[in-house]
């Protein structure tokens, strides 16, 4: 099957599938995140088709809004060091690996920011409740897959198309998971025992 047909099938399947998690997660803490996940591809593809817009810029704007949605004044102060560390790390990595796509490197910033906050929430949940939240862990995995997909493209790694399609298929499966299960579903928590020193 030609690569462009596979790409189109995965793209449109993803658009359709990710509408349902946004509905399922309504009134949960992460509704806005799922709403952005559902709306971004629809908006970007429409804007590119109708106005020949730059997709990387639109993705950057959408994901930056998502990062901002995680923030409040206290969090901005608390996570300032982490933000600077992420920026320096990405710039250093891009320079070392000779990544020439400036748009791609810039897009990594909000994607990494989203991963940071999701990972932070996941770890805080473990510390606060002594429970592993499986949906949050899957959200972290989803974000990792997205970042690795982008890095794969930027670095032009061998068989990058195969990885892109495989990761996209897994992300669609994750979308199906969140179509049926809420992030706040207590049945999907696993008890852990953290020893206090």
N, C-alpha and C. Protein backbone atom coordinates (compact mmCIF):
# COMPACT_ATOMS: atom_id res chain seq x y z
N UNK A 1 0.85 -1.19 0.00
CA UNK A 1 0.00 0.00 0.00
C UNK A 1 0.89 1.25 0.00
N UNK A 2 0.62 2.23 -0.89
CA UNK A 2 1.44 3.45 -0.95
C UNK A 2 1.46 4.18 0.38
N UNK A 3 2.62 4.80 0.68
CA UNK A 3 2.79 5.47 1.97
C UNK A 3 1.79 6.60 2.18
N UNK A 4 1.46 7.34 1.11
CA UNK A 4 0.54 8.46 1.29
C UNK A 4 -0.86 7.99 1.67
N UNK A 5 -1.25 6.80 1.18
CA UNK A 5 -2.56 6.26 1.54
C UNK A 5 -2.57 5.85 3.02
N UNK A 6 -1.49 5.20 3.46
CA UNK A 6 -1.38 4.81 4.88
C UNK A 6 -1.42 6.06 5.76
N UNK A 7 -0.67 7.08 5.35
CA UNK A 7 -0.63 8.33 6.11
C UNK A 7 -2.02 8.94 6.22
N UNK A 8 -2.75 9.00 5.11
CA UNK A 8 -4.09 9.59 5.11
C UNK A 8 -5.05 8.78 5.98
N UNK A 9 -4.96 7.46 5.90
CA UNK A 9 -5.83 6.61 6.72
C UNK A 9 -5.59 6.86 8.20
N UNK A 10 -4.32 6.88 8.60
CA UNK A 10 -3.97 7.12 10.01
C UNK A 10 -4.38 8.51 10.46
N UNK A 11 -4.17 9.50 9.60
CA UNK A 11 -4.51 10.88 9.95
C UNK A 11 -6.00 11.04 10.19
N UNK A 12 -6.81 10.57 9.26
CA UNK A 12 -8.26 10.76 9.39
C UNK A 12 -8.86 9.84 10.45
N UNK A 13 -8.27 8.66 10.63
CA UNK A 13 -8.72 7.78 11.71
C UNK A 13 -8.46 8.44 13.06
N UNK A 14 -7.29 9.07 13.18
CA UNK A 14 -6.93 9.77 14.42
C UNK A 14 -7.89 10.92 14.70
N UNK A 15 -8.23 11.68 13.66
CA UNK A 15 -9.15 12.81 13.82
C UNK A 15 -10.50 12.33 14.36
N UNK A 16 -11.02 11.26 13.76
CA UNK A 16 -12.33 10.74 14.17
C UNK A 16 -12.26 10.17 15.59
N UNK A 17 -11.26 9.36 15.85
CA UNK A 17 -11.16 8.68 17.15
C UNK A 17 -11.01 9.66 18.30
N UNK A 18 -10.20 10.72 18.11
CA UNK A 18 -9.90 11.61 19.23
C UNK A 18 -11.01 12.60 19.55
N UNK A 19 -12.09 12.57 18.77
CA UNK A 19 -13.27 13.37 19.13
C UNK A 19 -13.94 12.78 20.37
N UNK A 20 -13.96 11.46 20.46
CA UNK A 20 -14.70 10.78 21.53
C UNK A 20 -14.07 10.93 22.91
N UNK A 21 -12.73 10.90 23.04
CA UNK A 21 -12.16 11.16 24.37
C UNK A 21 -12.52 12.55 24.91
N UNK A 22 -12.61 13.53 24.02
CA UNK A 22 -12.97 14.88 24.47
C UNK A 22 -14.37 14.89 25.09
N UNK A 23 -15.25 14.06 24.54
CA UNK A 23 -16.61 13.95 25.09
C UNK A 23 -16.58 13.17 26.41
N UNK A 24 -15.83 12.06 26.42
CA UNK A 24 -15.77 11.21 27.61
C UNK A 24 -15.15 11.94 28.79
N UNK A 25 -14.15 12.79 28.54
CA UNK A 25 -13.41 13.46 29.62
C UNK A 25 -14.05 14.79 30.03
N UNK A 26 -15.24 15.06 29.51
CA UNK A 26 -15.94 16.31 29.86
C UNK A 26 -16.15 16.37 31.38
N UNK A 27 -15.86 17.51 31.95
CA UNK A 27 -15.97 17.79 33.39
C UNK A 27 -14.85 17.17 34.22
N UNK A 28 -13.87 16.55 33.57
CA UNK A 28 -12.70 16.10 34.31
C UNK A 28 -11.63 17.20 34.27
N UNK A 29 -10.61 17.02 35.07
CA UNK A 29 -9.52 18.01 35.14
C UNK A 29 -8.82 18.16 33.79
N UNK A 30 -8.83 17.12 32.99
CA UNK A 30 -8.05 17.12 31.75
C UNK A 30 -8.91 17.32 30.50
N UNK A 31 -10.12 17.82 30.69
CA UNK A 31 -11.00 18.02 29.53
C UNK A 31 -10.36 18.93 28.48
N UNK A 32 -9.77 20.05 28.92
CA UNK A 32 -9.21 21.00 27.95
C UNK A 32 -8.09 20.35 27.15
N UNK A 33 -7.29 19.52 27.80
CA UNK A 33 -6.21 18.82 27.10
C UNK A 33 -6.78 17.93 26.00
N UNK A 34 -7.82 17.17 26.32
CA UNK A 34 -8.42 16.29 25.32
C UNK A 34 -9.14 17.09 24.24
N UNK A 35 -9.71 18.22 24.63
CA UNK A 35 -10.36 19.09 23.64
C UNK A 35 -9.35 19.60 22.62
N UNK A 36 -8.18 20.03 23.11
CA UNK A 36 -7.12 20.51 22.21
C UNK A 36 -6.62 19.37 21.33
N UNK A 37 -6.44 18.20 21.91
CA UNK A 37 -6.01 17.04 21.11
C UNK A 37 -7.01 16.75 19.99
N UNK A 38 -8.31 16.90 20.30
CA UNK A 38 -9.35 16.62 19.31
C UNK A 38 -9.44 17.70 18.24
N UNK A 39 -9.28 18.96 18.66
CA UNK A 39 -9.51 20.08 17.75
C UNK A 39 -8.30 20.44 16.88
N UNK A 40 -7.10 20.16 17.37
CA UNK A 40 -5.89 20.65 16.70
C UNK A 40 -5.77 20.16 15.26
N UNK A 41 -5.83 18.85 15.05
CA UNK A 41 -5.66 18.32 13.70
C UNK A 41 -6.75 18.81 12.76
N UNK A 42 -7.99 18.87 13.26
CA UNK A 42 -9.09 19.35 12.44
C UNK A 42 -8.83 20.78 11.98
N UNK A 43 -8.44 21.63 12.92
CA UNK A 43 -8.19 23.04 12.61
C UNK A 43 -6.99 23.19 11.68
N UNK A 44 -5.90 22.50 12.00
CA UNK A 44 -4.66 22.65 11.22
C UNK A 44 -4.85 22.17 9.79
N UNK A 45 -5.44 21.00 9.61
CA UNK A 45 -5.65 20.47 8.26
C UNK A 45 -6.57 21.39 7.46
N UNK A 46 -7.61 21.91 8.10
CA UNK A 46 -8.52 22.83 7.42
C UNK A 46 -7.80 24.12 7.03
N UNK A 47 -6.98 24.66 7.94
CA UNK A 47 -6.26 25.91 7.67
C UNK A 47 -5.24 25.74 6.56
N UNK A 48 -4.56 24.60 6.55
CA UNK A 48 -3.57 24.33 5.50
C UNK A 48 -4.27 24.19 4.15
N UNK A 49 -5.39 23.48 4.13
CA UNK A 49 -6.13 23.24 2.88
C UNK A 49 -6.75 24.53 2.34
N UNK A 50 -7.34 25.33 3.24
CA UNK A 50 -8.07 26.52 2.80
C UNK A 50 -7.18 27.75 2.62
N UNK A 51 -6.17 27.90 3.48
CA UNK A 51 -5.38 29.13 3.48
C UNK A 51 -3.89 28.90 3.25
N UNK A 52 -3.50 27.65 3.03
CA UNK A 52 -2.09 27.31 2.83
C UNK A 52 -1.23 27.77 4.01
N UNK A 53 -1.78 27.59 5.22
CA UNK A 53 -1.10 28.04 6.44
C UNK A 53 0.06 27.09 6.78
N UNK A 54 0.98 27.59 7.60
CA UNK A 54 2.11 26.77 8.05
C UNK A 54 1.66 25.88 9.20
N UNK A 55 1.62 24.57 9.00
CA UNK A 55 1.13 23.68 10.06
C UNK A 55 1.96 23.73 11.33
N UNK A 56 3.29 23.86 11.20
CA UNK A 56 4.14 23.87 12.39
C UNK A 56 3.81 25.04 13.31
N UNK A 57 3.52 26.20 12.71
CA UNK A 57 3.17 27.38 13.50
C UNK A 57 1.85 27.17 14.23
N UNK A 58 0.87 26.61 13.53
CA UNK A 58 -0.44 26.37 14.15
C UNK A 58 -0.34 25.35 15.28
N UNK A 59 0.41 24.28 15.05
CA UNK A 59 0.61 23.30 16.12
C UNK A 59 1.29 23.94 17.33
N UNK A 60 2.28 24.79 17.05
CA UNK A 60 2.99 25.47 18.14
C UNK A 60 2.02 26.32 18.96
N UNK A 61 1.13 27.06 18.29
CA UNK A 61 0.18 27.93 18.99
C UNK A 61 -0.78 27.09 19.84
N UNK A 62 -1.33 26.03 19.27
CA UNK A 62 -2.27 25.19 20.00
C UNK A 62 -1.62 24.56 21.23
N UNK A 63 -0.43 23.99 21.04
CA UNK A 63 0.23 23.30 22.15
C UNK A 63 0.74 24.28 23.19
N UNK A 64 1.08 25.50 22.77
CA UNK A 64 1.50 26.52 23.73
C UNK A 64 0.33 26.93 24.61
N UNK A 65 -0.85 27.05 24.01
CA UNK A 65 -2.06 27.34 24.79
C UNK A 65 -2.30 26.23 25.80
N UNK A 66 -2.04 25.01 25.39
CA UNK A 66 -2.22 23.87 26.30
C UNK A 66 -1.25 23.94 27.47
N UNK A 67 -0.01 24.31 27.20
CA UNK A 67 0.98 24.47 28.28
C UNK A 67 0.52 25.55 29.25
N UNK A 68 0.05 26.67 28.72
CA UNK A 68 -0.41 27.78 29.55
C UNK A 68 -1.58 27.34 30.43
N UNK A 69 -2.43 26.45 29.89
CA UNK A 69 -3.60 26.00 30.65
C UNK A 69 -3.20 25.22 31.91
N UNK A 70 -2.00 24.68 31.92
CA UNK A 70 -1.51 23.95 33.10
C UNK A 70 -1.03 24.91 34.20
N UNK A 71 -0.87 26.16 33.83
CA UNK A 71 -0.18 27.09 34.72
C UNK A 71 -1.12 27.94 35.55
N UNK A 72 -0.65 28.34 36.71
CA UNK A 72 -1.19 29.47 37.45
C UNK A 72 0.02 30.23 37.98
N UNK A 73 -0.21 31.32 38.66
CA UNK A 73 0.91 32.17 39.09
C UNK A 73 1.93 31.41 39.93
N UNK A 74 1.45 30.59 40.86
CA UNK A 74 2.37 29.84 41.72
C UNK A 74 3.18 28.83 40.93
N UNK A 75 2.53 28.19 39.97
CA UNK A 75 3.23 27.19 39.17
C UNK A 75 4.30 27.82 38.30
N UNK A 76 4.02 29.03 37.79
CA UNK A 76 5.01 29.71 36.95
C UNK A 76 6.29 29.91 37.75
N UNK A 77 6.16 30.38 38.98
CA UNK A 77 7.33 30.59 39.83
C UNK A 77 8.00 29.26 40.18
N UNK A 78 7.18 28.27 40.50
CA UNK A 78 7.70 26.98 40.95
C UNK A 78 8.48 26.25 39.85
N UNK A 79 8.02 26.38 38.61
CA UNK A 79 8.60 25.59 37.53
C UNK A 79 9.53 26.39 36.61
N UNK A 80 9.89 27.61 37.01
CA UNK A 80 10.75 28.45 36.17
C UNK A 80 12.07 27.76 35.84
N UNK A 81 12.71 27.18 36.84
CA UNK A 81 14.00 26.51 36.63
C UNK A 81 13.84 25.36 35.64
N UNK A 82 12.75 24.60 35.79
CA UNK A 82 12.51 23.47 34.89
C UNK A 82 12.31 23.94 33.46
N UNK A 83 11.59 25.07 33.28
CA UNK A 83 11.37 25.60 31.93
C UNK A 83 12.69 25.97 31.27
N UNK A 84 13.53 26.68 32.01
CA UNK A 84 14.83 27.09 31.45
C UNK A 84 15.68 25.86 31.13
N UNK A 85 15.61 24.86 32.00
CA UNK A 85 16.38 23.63 31.76
C UNK A 85 15.92 22.94 30.47
N UNK A 86 14.60 22.87 30.28
CA UNK A 86 14.05 22.25 29.07
C UNK A 86 14.49 22.99 27.82
N UNK A 87 14.42 24.33 27.86
CA UNK A 87 14.82 25.14 26.70
C UNK A 87 16.29 24.93 26.37
N UNK A 88 17.15 25.01 27.40
CA UNK A 88 18.59 24.83 27.19
C UNK A 88 18.88 23.42 26.67
N UNK A 89 18.20 22.41 27.23
CA UNK A 89 18.40 21.03 26.80
C UNK A 89 18.03 20.84 25.34
N UNK A 90 16.90 21.42 24.92
CA UNK A 90 16.45 21.27 23.54
C UNK A 90 17.39 21.98 22.57
N UNK A 91 17.82 23.18 22.93
CA UNK A 91 18.75 23.92 22.07
C UNK A 91 20.08 23.18 21.94
N UNK A 92 20.58 22.68 23.08
CA UNK A 92 21.84 21.93 23.07
C UNK A 92 21.73 20.67 22.22
N UNK A 93 20.62 19.95 22.41
CA UNK A 93 20.39 18.71 21.65
C UNK A 93 20.31 18.99 20.16
N UNK A 94 19.56 20.05 19.81
CA UNK A 94 19.40 20.40 18.40
C UNK A 94 20.74 20.77 17.77
N UNK A 95 21.57 21.48 18.53
CA UNK A 95 22.89 21.87 18.02
C UNK A 95 23.80 20.66 17.87
N UNK A 96 23.80 19.81 18.89
CA UNK A 96 24.69 18.64 18.89
C UNK A 96 24.32 17.66 17.77
N UNK A 97 23.01 17.47 17.57
CA UNK A 97 22.55 16.51 16.56
C UNK A 97 22.40 17.13 15.18
N UNK A 98 22.73 18.42 15.09
CA UNK A 98 22.69 19.12 13.80
C UNK A 98 21.28 19.10 13.19
N UNK A 99 20.29 19.36 14.02
CA UNK A 99 18.92 19.45 13.53
C UNK A 99 18.73 20.82 12.88
N UNK A 100 18.37 20.83 11.61
CA UNK A 100 18.30 22.08 10.88
C UNK A 100 16.88 22.64 10.76
N UNK A 101 15.91 21.86 11.13
CA UNK A 101 14.53 22.33 11.03
C UNK A 101 14.18 23.15 12.26
N UNK A 102 14.26 24.46 12.11
CA UNK A 102 13.98 25.36 13.24
C UNK A 102 12.54 25.19 13.72
N UNK A 103 11.60 25.04 12.78
CA UNK A 103 10.20 24.86 13.14
C UNK A 103 10.02 23.64 14.04
N UNK A 104 10.70 22.56 13.69
CA UNK A 104 10.58 21.34 14.48
C UNK A 104 11.12 21.49 15.88
N UNK A 105 12.26 22.17 16.00
CA UNK A 105 12.86 22.38 17.33
C UNK A 105 11.95 23.25 18.18
N UNK A 106 11.39 24.30 17.59
CA UNK A 106 10.48 25.18 18.32
C UNK A 106 9.25 24.41 18.77
N UNK A 107 8.74 23.52 17.91
CA UNK A 107 7.56 22.74 18.26
C UNK A 107 7.84 21.79 19.43
N UNK A 108 9.09 21.39 19.58
CA UNK A 108 9.45 20.52 20.70
C UNK A 108 9.25 21.20 22.05
N UNK A 109 9.34 22.52 22.09
CA UNK A 109 9.22 23.25 23.36
C UNK A 109 7.87 23.01 24.04
N UNK A 110 6.73 23.33 23.38
CA UNK A 110 5.46 23.08 24.07
C UNK A 110 5.18 21.59 24.28
N UNK A 111 5.61 20.75 23.34
CA UNK A 111 5.39 19.31 23.50
C UNK A 111 6.11 18.78 24.74
N UNK A 112 7.34 19.26 24.95
CA UNK A 112 8.10 18.85 26.13
C UNK A 112 7.49 19.45 27.39
N UNK A 113 6.97 20.66 27.29
CA UNK A 113 6.29 21.28 28.42
C UNK A 113 5.07 20.49 28.86
N UNK A 114 4.28 20.03 27.89
CA UNK A 114 3.11 19.21 28.19
C UNK A 114 3.53 17.91 28.87
N UNK A 115 4.58 17.28 28.33
CA UNK A 115 5.09 16.04 28.93
C UNK A 115 5.54 16.29 30.37
N UNK A 116 6.20 17.41 30.60
CA UNK A 116 6.68 17.74 31.94
C UNK A 116 5.52 17.81 32.94
N UNK A 117 4.45 18.51 32.56
CA UNK A 117 3.33 18.68 33.48
C UNK A 117 2.56 17.38 33.69
N UNK A 118 2.40 16.60 32.63
CA UNK A 118 1.72 15.31 32.79
C UNK A 118 2.52 14.37 33.69
N UNK A 119 3.83 14.35 33.49
CA UNK A 119 4.70 13.52 34.34
C UNK A 119 4.65 14.00 35.78
N UNK A 120 4.66 15.32 35.96
CA UNK A 120 4.57 15.90 37.30
C UNK A 120 3.27 15.49 37.99
N UNK A 121 2.15 15.56 37.26
CA UNK A 121 0.86 15.16 37.83
C UNK A 121 0.85 13.67 38.17
N UNK A 122 1.45 12.87 37.30
CA UNK A 122 1.50 11.42 37.52
C UNK A 122 2.28 11.09 38.80
N UNK A 123 3.43 11.72 38.97
CA UNK A 123 4.27 11.46 40.15
C UNK A 123 3.62 12.00 41.42
N UNK A 124 2.99 13.17 41.32
CA UNK A 124 2.31 13.74 42.49
C UNK A 124 1.16 12.85 42.94
N UNK A 125 0.48 12.25 41.98
CA UNK A 125 -0.63 11.34 42.32
C UNK A 125 -0.11 10.14 43.12
N UNK A 126 1.03 9.62 42.71
CA UNK A 126 1.63 8.49 43.44
C UNK A 126 2.01 8.91 44.86
N UNK A 127 2.65 10.07 44.97
CA UNK A 127 3.12 10.55 46.27
C UNK A 127 1.94 10.87 47.19
N UNK A 128 0.89 11.48 46.63
CA UNK A 128 -0.25 11.93 47.45
C UNK A 128 -1.17 10.79 47.86
N UNK A 129 -1.38 9.83 46.96
CA UNK A 129 -2.39 8.79 47.22
C UNK A 129 -1.82 7.37 47.32
N UNK A 130 -0.51 7.24 47.13
CA UNK A 130 0.10 5.90 47.11
C UNK A 130 -0.58 5.00 46.07
N UNK A 131 -0.93 5.61 44.94
CA UNK A 131 -1.59 4.87 43.86
C UNK A 131 -1.02 5.30 42.51
N UNK A 132 -0.87 4.32 41.62
CA UNK A 132 -0.47 4.63 40.25
C UNK A 132 -1.73 4.82 39.42
N UNK A 133 -1.87 6.00 38.84
CA UNK A 133 -3.02 6.30 37.98
C UNK A 133 -2.69 5.83 36.56
N UNK A 134 -3.28 4.71 36.15
CA UNK A 134 -2.98 4.13 34.84
C UNK A 134 -3.33 5.08 33.68
N UNK A 135 -4.49 5.75 33.69
CA UNK A 135 -4.78 6.69 32.60
C UNK A 135 -3.74 7.80 32.48
N UNK A 136 -3.27 8.32 33.62
CA UNK A 136 -2.23 9.35 33.57
C UNK A 136 -0.94 8.79 32.99
N UNK A 137 -0.61 7.56 33.36
CA UNK A 137 0.58 6.92 32.81
C UNK A 137 0.46 6.76 31.29
N UNK A 138 -0.74 6.42 30.83
CA UNK A 138 -0.98 6.28 29.39
C UNK A 138 -0.89 7.63 28.69
N UNK A 139 -1.36 8.69 29.35
CA UNK A 139 -1.23 10.04 28.79
C UNK A 139 0.23 10.43 28.63
N UNK A 140 1.03 10.09 29.62
CA UNK A 140 2.48 10.35 29.53
C UNK A 140 3.07 9.59 28.35
N UNK A 141 2.68 8.33 28.20
CA UNK A 141 3.15 7.52 27.07
C UNK A 141 2.75 8.14 25.74
N UNK A 142 1.51 8.62 25.67
CA UNK A 142 1.02 9.27 24.44
C UNK A 142 1.90 10.46 24.06
N UNK A 143 2.24 11.25 25.07
CA UNK A 143 3.05 12.44 24.81
C UNK A 143 4.48 12.06 24.42
N UNK A 144 5.02 11.03 25.05
CA UNK A 144 6.36 10.55 24.69
C UNK A 144 6.38 10.09 23.23
N UNK A 145 5.35 9.36 22.82
CA UNK A 145 5.26 8.89 21.43
C UNK A 145 5.24 10.06 20.46
N UNK A 146 4.49 11.11 20.82
CA UNK A 146 4.42 12.29 19.95
C UNK A 146 5.77 12.97 19.79
N UNK A 147 6.50 13.10 20.89
CA UNK A 147 7.83 13.73 20.84
C UNK A 147 8.80 12.87 20.04
N UNK A 148 8.76 11.56 20.25
CA UNK A 148 9.66 10.66 19.52
C UNK A 148 9.34 10.66 18.02
N UNK A 149 8.07 10.78 17.68
CA UNK A 149 7.68 10.87 16.26
C UNK A 149 8.32 12.10 15.62
N UNK A 150 8.23 13.23 16.32
CA UNK A 150 8.80 14.47 15.79
C UNK A 150 10.32 14.37 15.69
N UNK A 151 10.96 13.84 16.73
CA UNK A 151 12.42 13.68 16.71
C UNK A 151 12.86 12.76 15.58
N UNK A 152 12.08 11.72 15.35
CA UNK A 152 12.39 10.77 14.29
C UNK A 152 12.41 11.46 12.92
N UNK A 153 11.44 12.36 12.73
CA UNK A 153 11.36 13.10 11.47
C UNK A 153 12.51 14.09 11.37
N UNK A 154 12.79 14.81 12.46
CA UNK A 154 13.84 15.84 12.44
C UNK A 154 15.21 15.23 12.21
N UNK A 155 15.44 14.07 12.80
CA UNK A 155 16.75 13.44 12.68
C UNK A 155 16.89 12.58 11.43
N UNK A 156 15.75 12.34 10.75
CA UNK A 156 15.80 11.53 9.54
C UNK A 156 16.33 10.14 9.79
N UNK A 157 15.88 9.53 10.89
CA UNK A 157 16.40 8.22 11.26
C UNK A 157 15.95 7.14 10.27
N UNK A 158 16.71 6.07 10.25
CA UNK A 158 16.42 4.95 9.35
C UNK A 158 15.04 4.36 9.69
N UNK A 159 14.27 4.09 8.67
CA UNK A 159 12.93 3.54 8.80
C UNK A 159 12.04 4.46 9.64
N UNK A 160 12.23 5.77 9.49
CA UNK A 160 11.44 6.73 10.27
C UNK A 160 9.95 6.63 9.92
N UNK A 161 9.64 6.31 8.66
CA UNK A 161 8.24 6.18 8.26
C UNK A 161 7.57 5.03 9.00
N UNK A 162 8.28 3.91 9.13
CA UNK A 162 7.72 2.76 9.84
C UNK A 162 7.43 3.13 11.29
N UNK A 163 8.37 3.82 11.94
CA UNK A 163 8.15 4.22 13.33
C UNK A 163 6.98 5.20 13.42
N UNK A 164 6.91 6.15 12.47
CA UNK A 164 5.84 7.15 12.47
C UNK A 164 4.48 6.47 12.40
N UNK A 165 4.34 5.51 11.49
CA UNK A 165 3.07 4.82 11.33
C UNK A 165 2.75 3.96 12.56
N UNK A 166 3.75 3.29 13.11
CA UNK A 166 3.54 2.44 14.28
C UNK A 166 3.12 3.28 15.49
N UNK A 167 3.83 4.40 15.71
CA UNK A 167 3.51 5.28 16.83
C UNK A 167 2.12 5.89 16.65
N UNK A 168 1.78 6.26 15.42
CA UNK A 168 0.46 6.84 15.14
C UNK A 168 -0.65 5.83 15.44
N UNK A 169 -0.42 4.56 15.07
CA UNK A 169 -1.40 3.51 15.35
C UNK A 169 -1.59 3.33 16.86
N UNK A 170 -0.49 3.35 17.62
CA UNK A 170 -0.58 3.24 19.07
C UNK A 170 -1.34 4.43 19.66
N UNK A 171 -1.11 5.62 19.11
CA UNK A 171 -1.80 6.81 19.61
C UNK A 171 -3.30 6.73 19.34
N UNK A 172 -3.68 6.12 18.22
CA UNK A 172 -5.10 5.92 17.93
C UNK A 172 -5.70 4.94 18.95
N UNK A 173 -4.96 3.88 19.28
CA UNK A 173 -5.42 2.94 20.30
C UNK A 173 -5.58 3.62 21.65
N UNK A 174 -4.68 4.54 21.96
CA UNK A 174 -4.79 5.30 23.21
C UNK A 174 -6.05 6.17 23.18
N UNK A 175 -6.34 6.75 22.01
CA UNK A 175 -7.57 7.52 21.86
C UNK A 175 -8.80 6.67 22.11
N UNK A 176 -8.79 5.44 21.61
CA UNK A 176 -9.90 4.52 21.86
C UNK A 176 -10.03 4.20 23.34
N UNK A 177 -8.89 4.02 24.02
CA UNK A 177 -8.91 3.76 25.46
C UNK A 177 -9.61 4.89 26.20
N UNK A 178 -9.25 6.13 25.88
CA UNK A 178 -9.83 7.27 26.58
C UNK A 178 -11.25 7.59 26.11
N UNK A 179 -11.72 6.90 25.08
CA UNK A 179 -13.11 7.03 24.67
C UNK A 179 -14.03 6.27 25.62
N UNK A 180 -13.45 5.31 26.34
CA UNK A 180 -14.24 4.46 27.23
C UNK A 180 -13.91 4.65 28.71
N UNK A 181 -12.71 5.14 29.00
CA UNK A 181 -12.29 5.27 30.39
C UNK A 181 -11.90 6.71 30.71
N UNK A 182 -12.34 7.17 31.87
CA UNK A 182 -12.01 8.52 32.32
C UNK A 182 -10.65 8.54 33.02
N UNK A 183 -9.97 9.66 32.92
CA UNK A 183 -8.70 9.83 33.65
C UNK A 183 -8.94 9.69 35.15
N UNK A 184 -10.13 10.06 35.60
CA UNK A 184 -10.44 10.06 37.02
C UNK A 184 -11.16 8.79 37.47
N UNK A 185 -11.09 7.74 36.66
CA UNK A 185 -11.72 6.46 37.01
C UNK A 185 -10.87 5.76 38.08
N UNK A 186 -11.41 5.70 39.30
CA UNK A 186 -10.65 5.12 40.42
C UNK A 186 -10.38 3.63 40.27
N UNK A 187 -11.14 2.98 39.39
CA UNK A 187 -10.92 1.54 39.18
C UNK A 187 -9.58 1.28 38.49
N UNK A 188 -9.04 2.32 37.87
CA UNK A 188 -7.80 2.17 37.11
C UNK A 188 -6.58 2.67 37.89
N UNK A 189 -6.71 2.68 39.20
CA UNK A 189 -5.59 3.01 40.08
C UNK A 189 -5.00 1.73 40.67
N UNK A 190 -3.69 1.68 40.74
CA UNK A 190 -3.00 0.53 41.34
C UNK A 190 -2.33 0.98 42.63
N UNK A 191 -2.62 0.30 43.72
CA UNK A 191 -2.03 0.66 45.01
C UNK A 191 -0.53 0.35 45.03
N UNK A 192 0.23 1.28 45.58
CA UNK A 192 1.66 1.07 45.79
C UNK A 192 1.99 1.46 47.22
N UNK A 193 3.07 0.93 47.72
CA UNK A 193 3.48 1.24 49.10
C UNK A 193 4.83 1.94 49.05
N UNK A 194 4.81 3.20 49.47
CA UNK A 194 6.04 3.98 49.50
C UNK A 194 6.54 4.03 50.94
N UNK A 195 7.72 3.51 51.15
CA UNK A 195 8.28 3.49 52.50
C UNK A 195 8.80 4.86 52.88
N UNK A 196 8.37 5.34 54.02
CA UNK A 196 8.86 6.62 54.52
C UNK A 196 10.13 6.41 55.32
N UNK A 197 11.12 7.22 55.02
CA UNK A 197 12.39 7.09 55.74
C UNK A 197 12.30 7.77 57.09
